Amino acid sequence: MHFQFIVAPPTPALLPPAGPAADHSTELLTQLLDIQREQLSLMQAQAVAGGDNSQARWRNFFERWQGEFPELPGSFREVLPTVERAYLRLMSDMVDHLNDEDSHGLEDDFSLGEFLDRYAMKASQIGTILNLLGQMVEASRSDE
């Protein structure tokens, strides 16, 4: 029996392709950091110049309708404490209801349903009104 072995000639070791030089990646990282700093300074300047976007939106809204409703921003400032008191009164009633020993907390579905029927919709609605009214008052104060 004869066996024939074929041996391949030795090949040079495969080297991975040479990556960019360390100086090149350091330069890229430095450029990236400079760009981020520039973006941050632009965003800060925009925030200082334009203020809060919601305030700018409300200011534009008031300016558009100033001819028809000139007294409205001042009226907002007058009624805000009334709405705040109403909201706090509702929250106080809710806390008193939960602390009341006869209410048994929110232990079952009936108690939870009764609690939500009594407080959830009112709290959501007056909270939304308070939030909008607060934004309008802040925007009208920054106009002065």
Protein backbone atom coordinates (compact mmCIF):
# COMPACT_ATOMS: atom_id res chain seq x y z
CA MET A 1 0.00 0.00 0.00
CA HIS A 2 1.17 3.31 -0.93
CA PHE A 3 -0.13 6.59 0.51
CA GLN A 4 0.64 9.91 -0.93
CA PHE A 5 0.78 12.92 1.41
CA ILE A 6 0.65 16.35 -0.09
CA VAL A 7 2.06 19.02 2.14
CA ALA A 8 1.27 22.61 1.35
CA PRO A 9 4.16 25.00 1.40
CA PRO A 10 4.29 27.24 4.47
CA THR A 11 2.27 30.45 4.15
CA PRO A 12 3.14 33.69 5.82
CA ALA A 13 1.04 34.44 8.90
CA LEU A 14 -2.08 36.46 8.19
CA LEU A 15 -1.94 39.80 9.92
CA PRO A 16 -5.03 41.87 10.58
CA PRO A 17 -5.20 45.03 8.52
CA ALA A 18 -3.48 47.91 10.17
CA GLY A 19 -5.95 50.16 12.00
CA PRO A 20 -5.79 53.90 12.10
CA ALA A 21 -3.01 55.33 14.11
CA ALA A 22 -3.69 56.21 17.75
CA ASP A 23 -3.16 59.87 16.91
CA HIS A 24 -5.94 59.72 14.33
CA SER A 25 -8.53 58.30 16.76
CA THR A 26 -7.50 60.80 19.42
CA GLU A 27 -7.98 63.57 16.89
CA LEU A 28 -11.45 62.27 15.99
CA LEU A 29 -12.47 62.07 19.63
CA THR A 30 -11.25 65.61 20.22
CA GLN A 31 -13.25 66.86 17.25
CA LEU A 32 -16.35 65.02 18.52
CA LEU A 33 -15.96 66.60 21.94
CA ASP A 34 -15.56 70.07 20.41
CA ILE A 35 -18.76 69.60 18.39
CA GLN A 36 -20.67 68.49 21.49
CA ARG A 37 -19.44 71.53 23.41
CA GLU A 38 -20.55 73.78 20.56
CA GLN A 39 -23.99 72.15 20.49
CA LEU A 40 -24.32 72.60 24.25
CA SER A 41 -23.43 76.29 24.06
CA LEU A 42 -25.92 76.81 21.21
CA MET A 43 -28.67 75.08 23.19
CA GLN A 44 -27.90 77.17 26.27
CA ALA A 45 -27.97 80.38 24.22
CA GLN A 46 -31.26 79.35 22.65
CA ALA A 47 -32.76 78.60 26.07
CA VAL A 48 -31.68 82.01 27.39
CA ALA A 49 -32.91 83.88 24.32
CA GLY A 50 -36.20 82.09 23.80
CA GLY A 51 -37.04 81.06 27.31
CA ASP A 52 -39.37 78.15 27.78
CA ASN A 53 -41.13 77.10 24.57
CA SER A 54 -44.48 76.85 26.34
CA GLN A 55 -44.08 80.40 27.65
CA ALA A 56 -43.21 81.66 24.18
CA ARG A 57 -46.23 79.86 22.79
CA TRP A 58 -48.55 81.44 25.37
CA ARG A 59 -46.99 84.89 24.84
CA ASN A 60 -47.64 84.60 21.10
CA PHE A 61 -51.18 83.47 21.86
CA PHE A 62 -51.81 86.50 24.09
CA GLU A 63 -50.31 88.87 21.53
CA ARG A 64 -52.55 87.51 18.77
CA TRP A 65 -55.70 88.07 20.82
CA GLN A 66 -54.70 91.17 22.77
CA GLY A 67 -57.06 93.41 20.84
CA GLU A 68 -60.09 91.29 21.72
CA PHE A 69 -59.06 90.13 25.23
CA PRO A 70 -56.67 92.75 26.67
CA GLU A 71 -57.63 92.15 30.32
CA LEU A 72 -57.35 88.36 30.27
CA PRO A 73 -53.69 87.89 31.39
CA GLY A 74 -54.31 90.07 34.45
CA SER A 75 -57.50 88.15 35.22
CA PHE A 76 -55.58 84.89 35.11
CA ARG A 77 -53.30 86.16 37.86
CA GLU A 78 -56.30 87.10 39.97
CA VAL A 79 -58.11 83.75 39.70
CA LEU A 80 -55.08 81.46 40.02
CA PRO A 81 -55.19 81.43 43.86
CA THR A 82 -58.89 80.47 43.76
CA VAL A 83 -58.19 77.48 41.51
CA GLU A 84 -55.20 76.50 43.66
CA ARG A 85 -57.39 76.59 46.79
CA ALA A 86 -60.05 74.46 45.09
CA TYR A 87 -57.43 71.90 44.06
CA LEU A 88 -55.92 71.78 47.55
CA ARG A 89 -59.38 71.47 49.10
CA LEU A 90 -60.10 68.48 46.85
CA MET A 91 -56.76 66.89 47.77
CA SER A 92 -57.46 67.49 51.46
CA ASP A 93 -60.89 65.85 51.15
CA MET A 94 -59.30 62.90 49.38
CA VAL A 95 -56.67 62.44 52.10
CA ASP A 96 -59.31 62.75 54.82
CA HIS A 97 -61.43 60.15 53.03
CA LEU A 98 -58.49 57.72 52.87
CA ASN A 99 -57.53 58.34 56.51
CA ASP A 100 -61.10 57.86 57.71
CA GLU A 101 -61.39 54.56 59.59
CA ASP A 102 -64.86 53.87 58.16
CA SER A 103 -63.64 54.01 54.55
CA HIS A 104 -61.51 50.84 54.95
CA GLY A 105 -59.01 52.23 52.46
CA LEU A 106 -59.09 50.79 48.98
CA GLU A 107 -59.30 47.14 49.96
CA ASP A 108 -61.84 45.88 47.44
CA ASP A 109 -63.10 46.73 43.96
CA PHE A 110 -66.18 48.49 45.29
CA SER A 111 -64.13 50.83 47.52
CA LEU A 112 -61.69 51.53 44.71
CA GLY A 113 -64.50 52.24 42.26
CA GLU A 114 -66.23 54.57 44.71
CA PHE A 115 -62.93 56.38 45.39
CA LEU A 116 -62.22 56.83 41.68
CA ASP A 117 -65.79 57.97 40.97
CA ARG A 118 -65.57 60.54 43.73
CA TYR A 119 -62.06 61.96 43.18
CA ALA A 120 -60.29 60.81 40.00
CA MET A 121 -62.15 62.78 37.34
CA LYS A 122 -62.33 65.95 39.43
CA ALA A 123 -58.64 65.78 40.35
CA SER A 124 -57.65 65.20 36.73
CA GLN A 125 -59.77 68.02 35.39
CA ILE A 126 -58.89 70.64 37.98
CA GLY A 127 -55.23 69.58 37.79
CA THR A 128 -55.25 70.19 34.04
CA ILE A 129 -56.90 73.58 34.48
CA LEU A 130 -54.38 74.50 37.19
CA ASN A 131 -51.47 73.46 34.97
CA LEU A 132 -52.68 75.50 31.99
CA LEU A 133 -53.58 78.49 34.10
CA GLY A 134 -50.14 78.39 35.77
CA GLN A 135 -48.41 78.35 32.38
CA MET A 136 -50.50 81.30 31.20
CA VAL A 137 -49.76 83.29 34.34
CA GLU A 138 -46.00 82.63 34.01
CA ALA A 139 -46.09 83.70 30.36
CA SER A 140 -47.98 86.88 31.20
CA ARG A 141 -45.52 87.73 34.01
CA SER A 142 -42.56 87.42 31.67
CA ASP A 143 -44.21 89.92 29.31
CA GLU A 144 -43.95 92.67 31.90
